Amino acid sequence: MKLVTFRHDNRTGIGALRPDGAVIDFAADPGLPETMVEFVGQGKAALARAVEVTAALHAAEVTLLAPIRPRNNVMCVGKNYVDHATEFSGSGFDASQRQALPDQPIIFTKALSSVIGPGEDIDVSADRTATSDYEGELAVVIGAGGTRIAAEDAEDHVYGYTIVNDMTIRELQKRHVQFFVGKSAATYCPIGPCVVTRDEIEDVTALWVRTTVNGEQRQAAPVADLIFDIPTLIETISAAVALEPGDVIATGTPAGVGIGFDPPRYVRPGDRIEITVDGIGTLANRAV
């Protein structure tokens, strides 16, 4: 099932996205939760009940929002594709660099205030350094939470998948060493367009992440190329962090980000960034 959060007639709701673009409105069943985090927290019981809902809203009547707003910050992974790790280490902007390829996952977070949905504008005009960059990523949505989750058990804690654009102000990322400030500007975490439940994805490693800017392909790589796979990431993070239902983990970006070009190709007002992941859809946002 493709799950969405939407706005309709000044009301925010949750539902399922049909192939024709219409949205099944879960509000038709008052027994279902009103937020995606609560829906995810109810697991298979809520999904089974949602299947019975048939009330639909026409695509033109709704505006898709970020499909989920986790309780915790959005969790992210740095330098998790070999080619991207190489391009970033060679860019001169990796102030935390110890080695080109990490021997442990590099984990950081983005503030919840940076989250926006598909179609919303990314405000790069507020970046006085003019070094804003895109990063297309597959993201994991946690179902059953927990701590100290073993890699071999991690799949049981995956609820589904979505797409994240890990927008970054490179100059701030370099200046502050720790990534949080450079990654957390307002509007710098587009998420969407939906959350696809795990059962819809036969083999997540077979998916491809592709990013275009103004129609030009910049990134393209299979999830199989991750240095640290999804079970390893869940095991690493949950070793210390109490994961909660609805938490989002962005798994890392492939090569082809703006900083990897010579000269760098930063995001400018008017640029349209589209990130496509097989089986999920396309997350599209315009920079202003």
C-alpha atoms as a PDB file:
ATOM      1  CA  MET A   1       0.000   0.000   0.000  1.00  0.00           C
ATOM      2  CA  LYS A   2       1.171   3.530  -0.790  1.00  0.00           C
ATOM      3  CA  LEU A   3       0.355   5.705   2.217  1.00  0.00           C
ATOM      4  CA  VAL A   4       0.068   9.488   2.089  1.00  0.00           C
ATOM      5  CA  THR A   5      -0.663  12.493   4.252  1.00  0.00           C
ATOM      6  CA  PHE A   6      -2.706  15.143   2.495  1.00  0.00           C
ATOM      7  CA  ARG A   7      -4.584  18.415   2.822  1.00  0.00           C
ATOM      8  CA  HIS A   8      -8.191  18.695   1.657  1.00  0.00           C
ATOM      9  CA  ASP A   9     -10.506  21.639   2.351  1.00  0.00           C
ATOM     10  CA  ASN A  10      -8.210  22.929   5.137  1.00  0.00           C
ATOM     11  CA  ARG A  11      -8.210  19.488   6.760  1.00  0.00           C
ATOM     12  CA  THR A  12      -5.120  17.301   7.116  1.00  0.00           C
ATOM     13  CA  GLY A  13      -5.702  13.590   6.748  1.00  0.00           C
ATOM     14  CA  ILE A  14      -4.036  10.301   5.906  1.00  0.00           C
ATOM     15  CA  GLY A  15      -4.904   7.722   3.319  1.00  0.00           C
ATOM     16  CA  ALA A  16      -3.753   5.472   0.503  1.00  0.00           C
ATOM     17  CA  LEU A  17      -2.654   6.578  -2.961  1.00  0.00           C
ATOM     18  CA  ARG A  18      -4.396   4.805  -5.842  1.00  0.00           C
ATOM     19  CA  PRO A  19      -2.653   4.198  -9.205  1.00  0.00           C
ATOM     20  CA  ASP A  20      -4.890   6.848 -10.800  1.00  0.00           C
ATOM     21  CA  GLY A  21      -3.690   9.487  -8.319  1.00  0.00           C
ATOM     22  CA  ALA A  22      -6.875   9.548  -6.250  1.00  0.00           C
ATOM     23  CA  VAL A  23      -6.553   9.232  -2.466  1.00  0.00           C
ATOM     24  CA  ILE A  24      -8.489   6.788  -0.307  1.00  0.00           C
ATOM     25  CA  ASP A  25      -9.457   8.858   2.746  1.00  0.00           C
ATOM     26  CA  PHE A  26      -9.000   6.903   5.973  1.00  0.00           C
ATOM     27  CA  ALA A  27     -11.188   9.451   7.790  1.00  0.00           C
ATOM     28  CA  ALA A  28     -14.131   7.447   6.433  1.00  0.00           C
ATOM     29  CA  ASP A  29     -13.333   4.957   9.208  1.00  0.00           C
ATOM     30  CA  PRO A  30     -13.355   6.869  12.520  1.00  0.00           C
ATOM     31  CA  GLY A  31     -11.575   3.948  14.159  1.00  0.00           C
ATOM     32  CA  LEU A  32      -8.370   4.614  12.225  1.00  0.00           C
ATOM     33  CA  PRO A  33      -5.684   7.037  13.511  1.00  0.00           C
ATOM     34  CA  GLU A  34      -5.510  10.598  12.231  1.00  0.00           C
ATOM     35  CA  THR A  35      -1.714  10.816  11.808  1.00  0.00           C
ATOM     36  CA  MET A  36       0.707   8.615   9.904  1.00  0.00           C
ATOM     37  CA  VAL A  37       2.955   8.048  12.918  1.00  0.00           C
ATOM     38  CA  GLU A  38      -0.009   6.685  14.878  1.00  0.00           C
ATOM     39  CA  PHE A  39      -1.106   4.601  11.883  1.00  0.00           C
ATOM     40  CA  VAL A  40       2.362   3.067  11.520  1.00  0.00           C
ATOM     41  CA  GLY A  41       2.418   2.400  15.255  1.00  0.00           C
ATOM     42  CA  GLN A  42      -0.692   0.226  14.961  1.00  0.00           C
ATOM     43  CA  GLY A  43       1.076  -2.018  12.468  1.00  0.00           C
ATOM     44  CA  LYS A  44      -0.770  -4.764  10.602  1.00  0.00           C
ATOM     45  CA  ALA A  45      -4.036  -4.153  12.462  1.00  0.00           C
ATOM     46  CA  ALA A  46      -4.407  -0.656  11.015  1.00  0.00           C
ATOM     47  CA  LEU A  47      -3.372  -1.816   7.540  1.00  0.00           C
ATOM     48  CA  ALA A  48      -5.934  -4.602   7.576  1.00  0.00           C
ATOM     49  CA  ARG A  49      -8.658  -2.179   8.590  1.00  0.00           C
ATOM     50  CA  ALA A  50      -7.570   0.405   6.019  1.00  0.00           C
ATOM     51  CA  VAL A  51      -8.022  -2.109   3.202  1.00  0.00           C
ATOM     52  CA  GLU A  52     -11.776  -1.980   3.847  1.00  0.00           C
ATOM     53  CA  VAL A  53     -11.985   1.805   3.289  1.00  0.00           C
ATOM     54  CA  THR A  54     -13.289   2.798  -0.144  1.00  0.00           C
ATOM     55  CA  ALA A  55     -14.085   6.519   0.188  1.00  0.00           C
ATOM     56  CA  ALA A  56     -11.929   8.346  -2.361  1.00  0.00           C
ATOM     57  CA  LEU A  57     -10.941  11.952  -3.054  1.00  0.00           C
ATOM     58  CA  HIS A  58     -10.138  13.024  -6.613  1.00  0.00           C
ATOM     59  CA  ALA A  59      -6.453  13.772  -7.205  1.00  0.00           C
ATOM     60  CA  ALA A  60      -7.224  17.402  -8.028  1.00  0.00           C
ATOM     61  CA  GLU A  61      -8.920  17.860  -4.653  1.00  0.00           C
ATOM     62  CA  VAL A  62      -5.920  17.044  -2.480  1.00  0.00           C
ATOM     63  CA  THR A  63      -2.433  18.384  -1.844  1.00  0.00           C
ATOM     64  CA  LEU A  64       0.121  15.802  -0.791  1.00  0.00           C
ATOM     65  CA  LEU A  65       2.170  16.693   2.284  1.00  0.00           C
ATOM     66  CA  ALA A  66       5.226  15.002   3.763  1.00  0.00           C
ATOM     67  CA  PRO A  67       3.821  11.480   4.216  1.00  0.00           C
ATOM     68  CA  ILE A  68       5.194  11.156   7.738  1.00  0.00           C
ATOM     69  CA  ARG A  69       6.653  13.422  10.411  1.00  0.00           C
ATOM     70  CA  PRO A  70       8.560  11.201  12.856  1.00  0.00           C
ATOM     71  CA  ARG A  71       8.770  11.922  16.574  1.00  0.00           C
ATOM     72  CA  ASN A  72      12.568  11.859  16.432  1.00  0.00           C
ATOM     73  CA  ASN A  73      14.776  13.875  14.079  1.00  0.00           C
ATOM     74  CA  VAL A  74      15.193  12.406  10.620  1.00  0.00           C
ATOM     75  CA  MET A  75      18.225  10.124  10.839  1.00  0.00           C
ATOM     76  CA  CYS A  76      20.732  10.116   7.997  1.00  0.00           C
ATOM     77  CA  VAL A  77      23.842   8.292   6.850  1.00  0.00           C
ATOM     78  CA  GLY A  78      26.887   9.984   5.356  1.00  0.00           C
ATOM     79  CA  LYS A  79      29.226   8.605   2.680  1.00  0.00           C
ATOM     80  CA  ASN A  80      27.337   5.326   2.199  1.00  0.00           C
ATOM     81  CA  TYR A  81      28.034   4.817  -1.524  1.00  0.00           C
ATOM     82  CA  VAL A  82      31.655   4.232  -2.573  1.00  0.00           C
ATOM     83  CA  ASP A  83      31.632   6.703  -5.478  1.00  0.00           C
ATOM     84  CA  HIS A  84      29.956   9.433  -3.411  1.00  0.00           C
ATOM     85  CA  ALA A  85      32.364   8.889  -0.502  1.00  0.00           C
ATOM     86  CA  THR A  86      35.216   9.370  -2.967  1.00  0.00           C
ATOM     87  CA  GLU A  87      33.759  12.514  -4.577  1.00  0.00           C
ATOM     88  CA  PHE A  88      32.975  14.095  -1.209  1.00  0.00           C
ATOM     89  CA  SER A  89      36.384  13.311   0.268  1.00  0.00           C
ATOM     90  CA  GLY A  90      37.997  14.904  -2.779  1.00  0.00           C
ATOM     91  CA  SER A  91      35.811  18.002  -2.673  1.00  0.00           C
ATOM     92  CA  GLY A  92      37.648  19.752   0.161  1.00  0.00           C
ATOM     93  CA  PHE A  93      34.374  20.145   2.090  1.00  0.00           C
ATOM     94  CA  ASP A  94      34.658  17.020   4.248  1.00  0.00           C
ATOM     95  CA  ALA A  95      35.902  18.644   7.463  1.00  0.00           C
ATOM     96  CA  SER A  96      35.199  15.481   9.478  1.00  0.00           C
ATOM     97  CA  GLN A  97      37.250  13.283   7.176  1.00  0.00           C
ATOM     98  CA  ARG A  98      39.415  10.566   8.672  1.00  0.00           C
ATOM     99  CA  GLN A  99      39.387   8.317   5.632  1.00  0.00           C
ATOM    100  CA  ALA A 100      37.756   8.294   2.221  1.00  0.00           C
ATOM    101  CA  LEU A 101      35.684   5.172   2.934  1.00  0.00           C
ATOM    102  CA  PRO A 102      34.262   4.903   6.466  1.00  0.00           C
ATOM    103  CA  ASP A 103      34.768   1.735   8.471  1.00  0.00           C
ATOM    104  CA  GLN A 104      31.601   2.445  10.491  1.00  0.00           C
ATOM    105  CA  PRO A 105      28.352   4.121   9.410  1.00  0.00           C
ATOM    106  CA  ILE A 106      28.420   7.919   9.748  1.00  0.00           C
ATOM    107  CA  ILE A 107      25.152   8.875  11.440  1.00  0.00           C
ATOM    108  CA  PHE A 108      23.716  12.392  11.770  1.00  0.00           C
ATOM    109  CA  THR A 109      20.238  13.916  11.978  1.00  0.00           C
ATOM    110  CA  LYS A 110      18.149  16.654  10.398  1.00  0.00           C
ATOM    111  CA  ALA A 111      15.835  18.851  12.467  1.00  0.00           C
ATOM    112  CA  LEU A 112      12.106  18.163  12.106  1.00  0.00           C
ATOM    113  CA  SER A 113      11.622  21.845  11.255  1.00  0.00           C
ATOM    114  CA  SER A 114      13.409  21.149   7.947  1.00  0.00           C
ATOM    115  CA  VAL A 115      10.742  18.684   6.749  1.00  0.00           C
ATOM    116  CA  ILE A 116       8.520  19.621   3.801  1.00  0.00           C
ATOM    117  CA  GLY A 117       6.422  17.594   1.397  1.00  0.00           C
ATOM    118  CA  PRO A 118       6.356  16.915  -2.342  1.00  0.00           C
ATOM    119  CA  GLY A 119       5.755  19.979  -4.461  1.00  0.00           C
ATOM    120  CA  GLU A 120       6.710  22.404  -1.690  1.00  0.00           C
ATOM    121  CA  ASP A 121       9.435  24.969  -2.326  1.00  0.00           C
ATOM    122  CA  ILE A 122      12.988  24.668  -1.028  1.00  0.00           C
ATOM    123  CA  ASP A 123      14.109  28.115   0.127  1.00  0.00           C
ATOM    124  CA  VAL A 124      17.720  28.276  -1.044  1.00  0.00           C
ATOM    125  CA  SER A 125      17.565  32.081  -1.210  1.00  0.00           C
ATOM    126  CA  ALA A 126      18.079  32.076   2.575  1.00  0.00           C
ATOM    127  CA  ASP A 127      21.499  30.423   2.119  1.00  0.00           C
ATOM    128  CA  ARG A 128      23.931  33.351   2.196  1.00  0.00           C
ATOM    129  CA  THR A 129      26.823  31.051   1.304  1.00  0.00           C
ATOM    130  CA  ALA A 130      25.129  30.001  -1.985  1.00  0.00           C
ATOM    131  CA  THR A 131      26.413  26.446  -1.482  1.00  0.00           C
ATOM    132  CA  SER A 132      23.115  24.545  -1.261  1.00  0.00           C
ATOM    133  CA  ASP A 133      23.287  21.010  -2.625  1.00  0.00           C
ATOM    134  CA  TYR A 134      20.873  18.126  -3.290  1.00  0.00           C
ATOM    135  CA  GLU A 135      21.188  14.493  -2.169  1.00  0.00           C
ATOM    136  CA  GLY A 136      18.637  11.955  -3.416  1.00  0.00           C
ATOM    137  CA  GLU A 137      18.123   9.057  -1.013  1.00  0.00           C
ATOM    138  CA  LEU A 138      16.024   6.000  -0.286  1.00  0.00           C
ATOM    139  CA  ALA A 139      14.673   6.217   3.261  1.00  0.00           C
ATOM    140  CA  VAL A 140      13.464   3.498   5.617  1.00  0.00           C
ATOM    141  CA  VAL A 141      10.406   3.954   7.819  1.00  0.00           C
ATOM    142  CA  ILE A 142      10.567   2.058  11.103  1.00  0.00           C
ATOM    143  CA  GLY A 143       7.569  -0.004  12.200  1.00  0.00           C
ATOM    144  CA  ALA A 144       8.191  -1.858  15.434  1.00  0.00           C
ATOM    145  CA  GLY A 145      10.650   0.218  17.452  1.00  0.00           C
ATOM    146  CA  GLY A 146      13.275  -0.961  19.871  1.00  0.00           C
ATOM    147  CA  THR A 147      16.881  -0.861  20.955  1.00  0.00           C
ATOM    148  CA  ARG A 148      19.799  -3.199  20.339  1.00  0.00           C
ATOM    149  CA  ILE A 149      18.164  -4.667  17.237  1.00  0.00           C
ATOM    150  CA  ALA A 150      20.363  -7.309  15.634  1.00  0.00           C
ATOM    151  CA  ALA A 151      20.988  -7.021  11.894  1.00  0.00           C
ATOM    152  CA  GLU A 152      19.398 -10.423  11.305  1.00  0.00           C
ATOM    153  CA  ASP A 153      16.189  -9.171  12.952  1.00  0.00           C
ATOM    154  CA  ALA A 154      16.162  -5.720  11.337  1.00  0.00           C
ATOM    155  CA  GLU A 155      13.752  -6.554   8.518  1.00  0.00           C
ATOM    156  CA  ASP A 156      11.021  -7.213  11.085  1.00  0.00           C
ATOM    157  CA  HIS A 157      11.367  -3.576  12.198  1.00  0.00           C
ATOM    158  CA  VAL A 158      10.993  -2.083   8.701  1.00  0.00           C
ATOM    159  CA  TYR A 159       7.493  -0.766   8.019  1.00  0.00           C
ATOM    160  CA  GLY A 160       8.197   0.621   4.570  1.00  0.00           C
ATOM    161  CA  TYR A 161      10.142   3.033   2.420  1.00  0.00           C
ATOM    162  CA  THR A 162      10.014   6.617   1.181  1.00  0.00           C
ATOM    163  CA  ILE A 163      12.286   9.193  -0.494  1.00  0.00           C
ATOM    164  CA  VAL A 164      14.312  11.978   1.127  1.00  0.00           C
ATOM    165  CA  ASN A 165      16.165  14.879  -0.442  1.00  0.00           C
ATOM    166  CA  ASP A 166      18.947  15.501   2.073  1.00  0.00           C
ATOM    167  CA  MET A 167      19.507  19.141   1.087  1.00  0.00           C
ATOM    168  CA  THR A 168      22.740  20.539   2.494  1.00  0.00           C
ATOM    169  CA  ILE A 169      24.443  23.898   2.879  1.00  0.00           C
ATOM    170  CA  ARG A 170      27.972  22.702   2.113  1.00  0.00           C
ATOM    171  CA  GLU A 171      29.809  25.696   3.565  1.00  0.00           C
ATOM    172  CA  LEU A 172      28.063  25.241   6.924  1.00  0.00           C
ATOM    173  CA  GLN A 173      28.631  21.489   6.815  1.00  0.00           C
ATOM    174  CA  LYS A 174      32.346  22.151   6.451  1.00  0.00           C
ATOM    175  CA  ARG A 175      32.506  25.046   8.916  1.00  0.00           C
ATOM    176  CA  HIS A 176      30.796  23.249  11.791  1.00  0.00           C
ATOM    177  CA  VAL A 177      32.349  19.789  11.154  1.00  0.00           C
ATOM    178  CA  GLN A 178      29.311  18.094  12.717  1.00  0.00           C
ATOM    179  CA  PHE A 179      26.683  17.936   9.962  1.00  0.00           C
ATOM    180  CA  PHE A 180      23.537  19.002  11.872  1.00  0.00           C
ATOM    181  CA  VAL A 181      23.590  22.764  11.197  1.00  0.00           C
ATOM    182  CA  GLY A 182      24.424  22.424   7.507  1.00  0.00           C
ATOM    183  CA  LYS A 183      21.708  19.804   7.039  1.00  0.00           C
ATOM    184  CA  SER A 184      18.835  21.338   9.013  1.00  0.00           C
ATOM    185  CA  ALA A 185      17.900  24.621   7.363  1.00  0.00           C
ATOM    186  CA  ALA A 186      14.157  25.234   7.029  1.00  0.00           C
ATOM    187  CA  THR A 187      12.721  23.391   3.964  1.00  0.00           C
ATOM    188  CA  TYR A 188      15.930  21.350   3.529  1.00  0.00           C
ATOM    189  CA  CYS A 189      14.327  17.932   4.095  1.00  0.00           C
ATOM    190  CA  PRO A 190      11.720  17.158   1.432  1.00  0.00           C
ATOM    191  CA  ILE A 191      10.084  13.767   2.061  1.00  0.00           C
ATOM    192  CA  GLY A 192       7.615  11.884  -0.095  1.00  0.00           C
ATOM    193  CA  PRO A 193       5.574  11.444  -2.101  1.00  0.00           C
ATOM    194  CA  CYS A 194       4.364   8.439  -0.100  1.00  0.00           C
ATOM    195  CA  VAL A 195       5.371   5.646   2.253  1.00  0.00           C
ATOM    196  CA  VAL A 196       5.320   2.286   0.493  1.00  0.00           C
ATOM    197  CA  THR A 197       4.744  -0.635   2.839  1.00  0.00           C
ATOM    198  CA  ARG A 198       7.471  -3.266   2.948  1.00  0.00           C
ATOM    199  CA  ASP A 199       5.324  -5.975   1.373  1.00  0.00           C
ATOM    200  CA  GLU A 200       5.143  -3.939  -1.848  1.00  0.00           C
ATOM    201  CA  ILE A 201       8.943  -4.090  -2.344  1.00  0.00           C
ATOM    202  CA  GLU A 202      10.148  -7.575  -3.255  1.00  0.00           C
ATOM    203  CA  ASP A 203      13.868  -6.776  -3.051  1.00  0.00           C
ATOM    204  CA  VAL A 204      14.886  -3.365  -1.747  1.00  0.00           C
ATOM    205  CA  THR A 205      18.474  -3.830  -2.932  1.00  0.00           C
ATOM    206  CA  ALA A 206      17.222  -4.029  -6.532  1.00  0.00           C
ATOM    207  CA  LEU A 207      15.774  -0.505  -6.406  1.00  0.00           C
ATOM    208  CA  TRP A 208      17.547   2.386  -8.123  1.00  0.00           C
ATOM    209  CA  VAL A 209      17.877   5.946  -6.852  1.00  0.00           C
ATOM    210  CA  ARG A 210      17.868   8.567  -9.624  1.00  0.00           C
ATOM    211  CA  THR A 211      18.081  12.346  -9.309  1.00  0.00           C
ATOM    212  CA  THR A 212      17.552  14.935 -12.006  1.00  0.00           C
ATOM    213  CA  VAL A 213      18.003  18.710 -11.855  1.00  0.00           C
ATOM    214  CA  ASN A 214      15.998  20.593 -14.486  1.00  0.00           C
ATOM    215  CA  GLY A 215      15.590  17.301 -16.339  1.00  0.00           C
ATOM    216  CA  GLU A 216      19.317  16.487 -16.413  1.00  0.00           C
ATOM    217  CA  GLN A 217      20.219  13.225 -14.702  1.00  0.00           C
ATOM    218  CA  ARG A 218      22.806  13.775 -11.993  1.00  0.00           C
ATOM    219  CA  GLN A 219      22.569  10.633  -9.831  1.00  0.00           C
ATOM    220  CA  ALA A 220      21.791   6.996 -10.636  1.00  0.00           C
ATOM    221  CA  ALA A 221      22.750   3.977  -8.536  1.00  0.00           C
ATOM    222  CA  PRO A 222      21.216   0.775  -7.182  1.00  0.00           C
ATOM    223  CA  VAL A 223      20.534   0.415  -3.469  1.00  0.00           C
ATOM    224  CA  ALA A 224      22.683  -2.722  -3.701  1.00  0.00           C
ATOM    225  CA  ASP A 225      25.696  -0.371  -3.862  1.00  0.00           C
ATOM    226  CA  LEU A 226      25.256   0.801  -0.254  1.00  0.00           C
ATOM    227  CA  ILE A 227      28.458   0.352   1.751  1.00  0.00           C
ATOM    228  CA  PHE A 228      26.413  -0.385   4.877  1.00  0.00           C
ATOM    229  CA  ASP A 229      23.115  -2.100   4.108  1.00  0.00           C
ATOM    230  CA  ILE A 230      19.802  -1.352   5.795  1.00  0.00           C
ATOM    231  CA  PRO A 231      20.056  -4.106   8.459  1.00  0.00           C
ATOM    232  CA  THR A 232      23.509  -2.805   9.438  1.00  0.00           C
ATOM    233  CA  LEU A 233      22.190   0.754   9.709  1.00  0.00           C
ATOM    234  CA  ILE A 234      19.297  -0.300  11.948  1.00  0.00           C
ATOM    235  CA  GLU A 235      21.625  -2.354  14.130  1.00  0.00           C
ATOM    236  CA  THR A 236      24.115   0.532  14.396  1.00  0.00           C
ATOM    237  CA  ILE A 237      21.572   3.219  15.271  1.00  0.00           C
ATOM    238  CA  SER A 238      19.507   1.088  17.648  1.00  0.00           C
ATOM    239  CA  ALA A 239      22.625   0.102  19.585  1.00  0.00           C
ATOM    240  CA  ALA A 240      22.195   3.431  21.385  1.00  0.00           C
ATOM    241  CA  VAL A 241      19.030   5.113  20.088  1.00  0.00           C
ATOM    242  CA  ALA A 242      15.548   3.933  21.017  1.00  0.00           C
ATOM    243  CA  LEU A 243      13.898   3.695  17.610  1.00  0.00           C
ATOM    244  CA  GLU A 244      10.182   4.498  17.566  1.00  0.00           C
ATOM    245  CA  PRO A 245       7.406   3.630  15.110  1.00  0.00           C
ATOM    246  CA  GLY A 246       7.484   6.104  12.251  1.00  0.00           C
ATOM    247  CA  ASP A 247      11.159   7.011  12.590  1.00  0.00           C
ATOM    248  CA  VAL A 248      12.815   7.774   9.250  1.00  0.00           C
ATOM    249  CA  ILE A 249      16.340   6.705   8.287  1.00  0.00           C
ATOM    250  CA  ALA A 250      17.737   8.158   5.046  1.00  0.00           C
ATOM    251  CA  THR A 251      20.252   5.592   3.821  1.00  0.00           C
ATOM    252  CA  GLY A 252      22.769   7.795   1.988  1.00  0.00           C
ATOM    253  CA  THR A 253      23.196   9.375  -1.434  1.00  0.00           C
ATOM    254  CA  PRO A 254      24.963   8.152  -4.591  1.00  0.00           C
ATOM    255  CA  ALA A 255      27.627  10.027  -6.520  1.00  0.00           C
ATOM    256  CA  GLY A 256      26.584  12.999  -8.623  1.00  0.00           C
ATOM    257  CA  VAL A 257      25.826  15.648  -6.013  1.00  0.00           C
ATOM    258  CA  GLY A 258      26.591  19.263  -6.903  1.00  0.00           C
ATOM    259  CA  ILE A 259      29.799  19.421  -4.872  1.00  0.00           C
ATOM    260  CA  GLY A 260      31.213  16.567  -6.954  1.00  0.00           C
ATOM    261  CA  PHE A 261      31.435  18.681 -10.121  1.00  0.00           C
ATOM    262  CA  ASP A 262      34.314  20.988 -11.047  1.00  0.00           C
ATOM    263  CA  PRO A 263      33.238  23.684 -10.593  1.00  0.00           C
ATOM    264  CA  PRO A 264      30.475  22.697  -8.128  1.00  0.00           C
ATOM    265  CA  ARG A 265      26.925  22.857  -9.457  1.00  0.00           C
ATOM    266  CA  TYR A 266      24.959  24.183  -6.516  1.00  0.00           C
ATOM    267  CA  VAL A 267      21.181  24.531  -6.374  1.00  0.00           C
ATOM    268  CA  ARG A 268      19.921  27.902  -7.543  1.00  0.00           C
ATOM    269  CA  PRO A 269      16.473  29.520  -7.355  1.00  0.00           C
ATOM    270  CA  GLY A 270      14.310  28.126 -10.127  1.00  0.00           C
ATOM    271  CA  ASP A 271      15.971  24.696 -10.204  1.00  0.00           C
ATOM    272  CA  ARG A 272      13.612  21.718 -10.154  1.00  0.00           C
ATOM    273  CA  ILE A 273      14.935  18.647  -8.336  1.00  0.00           C
ATOM    274  CA  GLU A 274      13.286  15.270  -8.943  1.00  0.00           C
ATOM    275  CA  ILE A 275      14.282  12.111  -7.098  1.00  0.00           C
ATOM    276  CA  THR A 276      12.837   8.822  -8.317  1.00  0.00           C
ATOM    277  CA  VAL A 277      13.044   5.448  -6.597  1.00  0.00           C
ATOM    278  CA  ASP A 278      11.577   2.358  -8.250  1.00  0.00           C
ATOM    279  CA  GLY A 279       8.309   1.236  -6.703  1.00  0.00           C
ATOM    280  CA  ILE A 280       7.909   4.427  -4.655  1.00  0.00           C
ATOM    281  CA  GLY A 281       7.556   7.266  -7.148  1.00  0.00           C
ATOM    282  CA  THR A 282       9.098  10.687  -7.660  1.00  0.00           C
ATOM    283  CA  LEU A 283       9.751  13.386  -5.066  1.00  0.00           C
ATOM    284  CA  ALA A 284       9.778  16.722  -6.889  1.00  0.00           C
ATOM    285  CA  ASN A 285      10.522  20.149  -5.420  1.00  0.00           C
ATOM    286  CA  ARG A 286      11.474  23.536  -6.825  1.00  0.00           C
ATOM    287  CA  ALA A 287      14.153  25.775  -5.335  1.00  0.00           C
ATOM    288  CA  VAL A 288      13.219  29.392  -4.726  1.00  0.00           C
END
